[in-house]
Structures are given as structure tokens and as C-alpha cells.
Amino acid sequence: MFFSDSNGQISDIINNIHCIFNTRQGTIPGRESFGLPDLTDVYAGFPNTVDDFLSVIKKSINAFEPRLYRVDVLLQDMHKENNVIVSLEIKATLSNNNNFFIFSKFGGNGRSEIGILRE
């Protein structure tokens, strides 16, 4: 899912986070640490591994999206039935000190959807 805005900065950030969340570490030659690790073990350990999951998300944003700081990742909802679904709210500050909020939903296959909650 790709977004646009008048100056392009927010859409670039959202698109980059989308790429980070939907890329598995080790799949990009020369940038093996880019993306998220395989989430299978994290999902299998829910709810005990939720804090680990939130930490991985925050570390990945901090490592690969330098235009954001004061990143905070909050669990909004979690289901573990046939398919694991985790909903997150991510709060961050841009370099111009403006805050914005995005959401992300992770399915059991590790794929993520992302969108803007508010700027």
C-alpha cells in the first residue's frame, strides 16, 4: 500500500516502513539486516512474546527510518485463532518536530498492512 502527500516526506516514510515490515532479514543482498526477522517463533509464543515483538518493531524503525525519532510502538489488539493478527499504533516525531501516528496490522503470514492514523 503506497501513500502520497504534498511534500512527499510522509509518503516516503510510510512506504519505507511498509517495506521494512514486509521484508525478512537476510533477503536483500548487501543489506542482510534490513527488515524484520522471521516472526514465526514470536507469533508461536504469543502472548508471552508480545514485548519482544514490539521491541523488534521499534528497533527496526529506529535502524532503517532515520527521519523519525521518539518512536513508540503500542499494542492495540491481538488475536490468536486460525491466523495471528496483531494491530499496532506507532507514534513518532519527524525532524521538524511534528508528530504523526500510523497503524499496522500483521497477519499470521508475517505480512503487514500500514496506514496513517493522523498527522
Protein backbone atom coordinates (compact mmCIF):
# COMPACT_ATOMS: atom_id res chain seq x y z
CA MET A 1 0.00 0.00 0.00
CA PHE A 2 1.51 3.33 -1.01
CA PHE A 3 0.61 6.83 0.13
CA SER A 4 1.18 10.33 -1.14
CA ASP A 5 1.25 13.78 0.40
CA SER A 6 2.05 17.28 -0.80
CA ASN A 7 5.76 17.31 0.02
CA GLY A 8 6.32 13.57 -0.26
CA GLN A 9 8.10 13.14 3.06
CA ILE A 10 5.30 11.33 4.88
CA SER A 11 4.54 9.07 1.93
CA ASP A 12 8.24 8.21 1.65
CA ILE A 13 8.37 7.35 5.36
CA ILE A 14 5.19 5.26 5.24
CA ASN A 15 6.38 3.43 2.13
CA ASN A 16 9.77 2.74 3.73
CA ILE A 17 8.16 1.36 6.90
CA HIS A 18 5.89 -0.79 4.74
CA CYS A 19 8.99 -2.18 3.02
CA ILE A 20 10.75 -2.75 6.36
CA PHE A 21 7.76 -4.64 7.79
CA ASN A 22 7.24 -6.80 4.69
CA THR A 23 10.88 -7.73 4.10
CA ARG A 24 12.52 -10.56 6.02
CA GLN A 25 16.08 -10.11 7.22
CA GLY A 26 18.63 -11.80 5.00
CA THR A 27 16.64 -11.47 1.79
CA ILE A 28 18.37 -8.37 0.39
CA PRO A 29 21.99 -8.99 -0.66
CA GLY A 30 24.30 -6.44 0.93
CA ARG A 31 21.64 -5.35 3.43
CA GLU A 32 21.06 -8.59 5.31
CA SER A 33 19.88 -6.82 8.47
CA PHE A 34 17.18 -4.82 6.63
CA GLY A 35 13.62 -5.81 7.50
CA LEU A 36 12.14 -7.93 10.24
CA PRO A 37 13.25 -11.37 11.39
CA ASP A 38 11.07 -14.39 10.73
CA LEU A 39 8.08 -13.81 13.01
CA THR A 40 7.03 -17.46 13.27
CA ASP A 41 8.67 -18.04 16.68
CA VAL A 42 7.44 -14.71 18.01
CA TYR A 43 3.87 -15.49 16.95
CA ALA A 44 4.08 -19.00 18.40
CA GLY A 45 4.97 -17.55 21.80
CA PHE A 46 2.12 -15.03 21.99
CA PRO A 47 1.07 -13.62 24.38
CA ASN A 48 4.39 -14.15 26.19
CA THR A 49 6.46 -12.73 23.33
CA VAL A 50 4.45 -9.55 22.69
CA ASP A 51 7.08 -7.35 24.33
CA ASP A 52 9.77 -8.94 22.14
CA PHE A 53 7.64 -8.28 19.06
CA LEU A 54 7.11 -4.61 19.99
CA SER A 55 10.84 -4.23 20.65
CA VAL A 56 11.73 -5.73 17.24
CA ILE A 57 9.33 -3.32 15.51
CA LYS A 58 10.75 -0.30 17.33
CA LYS A 59 14.38 -1.31 16.73
CA SER A 60 13.70 -1.86 13.03
CA ILE A 61 12.09 1.56 12.62
CA ASN A 62 14.93 3.22 14.53
CA ALA A 63 17.55 1.41 12.44
CA PHE A 64 16.06 1.92 8.98
CA GLU A 65 13.96 5.08 9.15
CA PRO A 66 16.31 7.89 10.26
CA ARG A 67 13.72 10.63 9.60
CA LEU A 68 11.81 9.52 12.70
CA TYR A 69 12.71 9.77 16.33
CA ARG A 70 10.94 9.25 19.66
CA VAL A 71 9.32 6.17 18.18
CA ASP A 72 6.79 4.45 20.42
CA VAL A 73 5.07 1.20 19.45
CA LEU A 74 1.83 0.31 21.20
CA LEU A 75 -0.16 -2.91 21.00
CA GLN A 76 -3.76 -2.14 20.07
CA ASP A 77 -5.18 -5.63 19.64
CA MET A 78 -4.07 -9.25 19.39
CA HIS A 79 -5.94 -12.37 18.29
CA LYS A 80 -4.62 -15.88 18.13
CA GLU A 81 -7.08 -18.09 16.35
CA ASN A 82 -6.62 -19.63 12.90
CA ASN A 83 -4.49 -16.67 11.90
CA VAL A 84 -2.48 -14.45 14.23
CA ILE A 85 -3.41 -10.80 13.86
CA VAL A 86 -1.61 -8.05 15.72
CA SER A 87 -2.68 -4.43 15.47
CA LEU A 88 -0.20 -1.71 16.42
CA GLU A 89 -0.19 2.03 16.77
CA ILE A 90 3.14 3.67 16.09
CA LYS A 91 3.75 7.19 17.34
CA ALA A 92 6.77 9.08 16.06
CA THR A 93 8.22 12.54 15.68
CA LEU A 94 9.51 13.94 12.40
CA SER A 95 12.68 16.00 12.15
CA ASN A 96 10.52 19.18 12.07
CA ASN A 97 9.12 18.16 15.49
CA ASN A 98 5.68 17.31 14.08
CA ASN A 99 4.12 14.15 15.44
CA PHE A 100 2.32 11.58 13.38
CA PHE A 101 0.66 8.29 14.07
CA ILE A 102 0.42 5.21 11.91
CA PHE A 103 -1.21 1.84 12.33
CA SER A 104 -0.01 -1.53 11.22
CA LYS A 105 -1.71 -4.91 11.17
CA PHE A 106 0.32 -8.12 10.96
CA GLY A 107 -1.23 -11.36 9.75
CA GLY A 108 -0.13 -14.86 10.62
CA ASN A 109 1.89 -14.98 7.40
CA GLY A 110 4.01 -12.07 8.67
CA ARG A 111 2.71 -9.64 6.06
CA SER A 112 1.81 -6.17 7.22
CA GLU A 113 -0.69 -3.52 6.24
CA ILE A 114 0.08 0.07 7.17
CA GLY A 115 -1.75 3.39 7.16
CA ILE A 116 -1.86 6.84 8.64
CA LEU A 117 -4.00 7.30 11.76
CA ARG A 118 -3.41 11.05 11.98
CA GLU A 119 -0.70 13.62 11.43
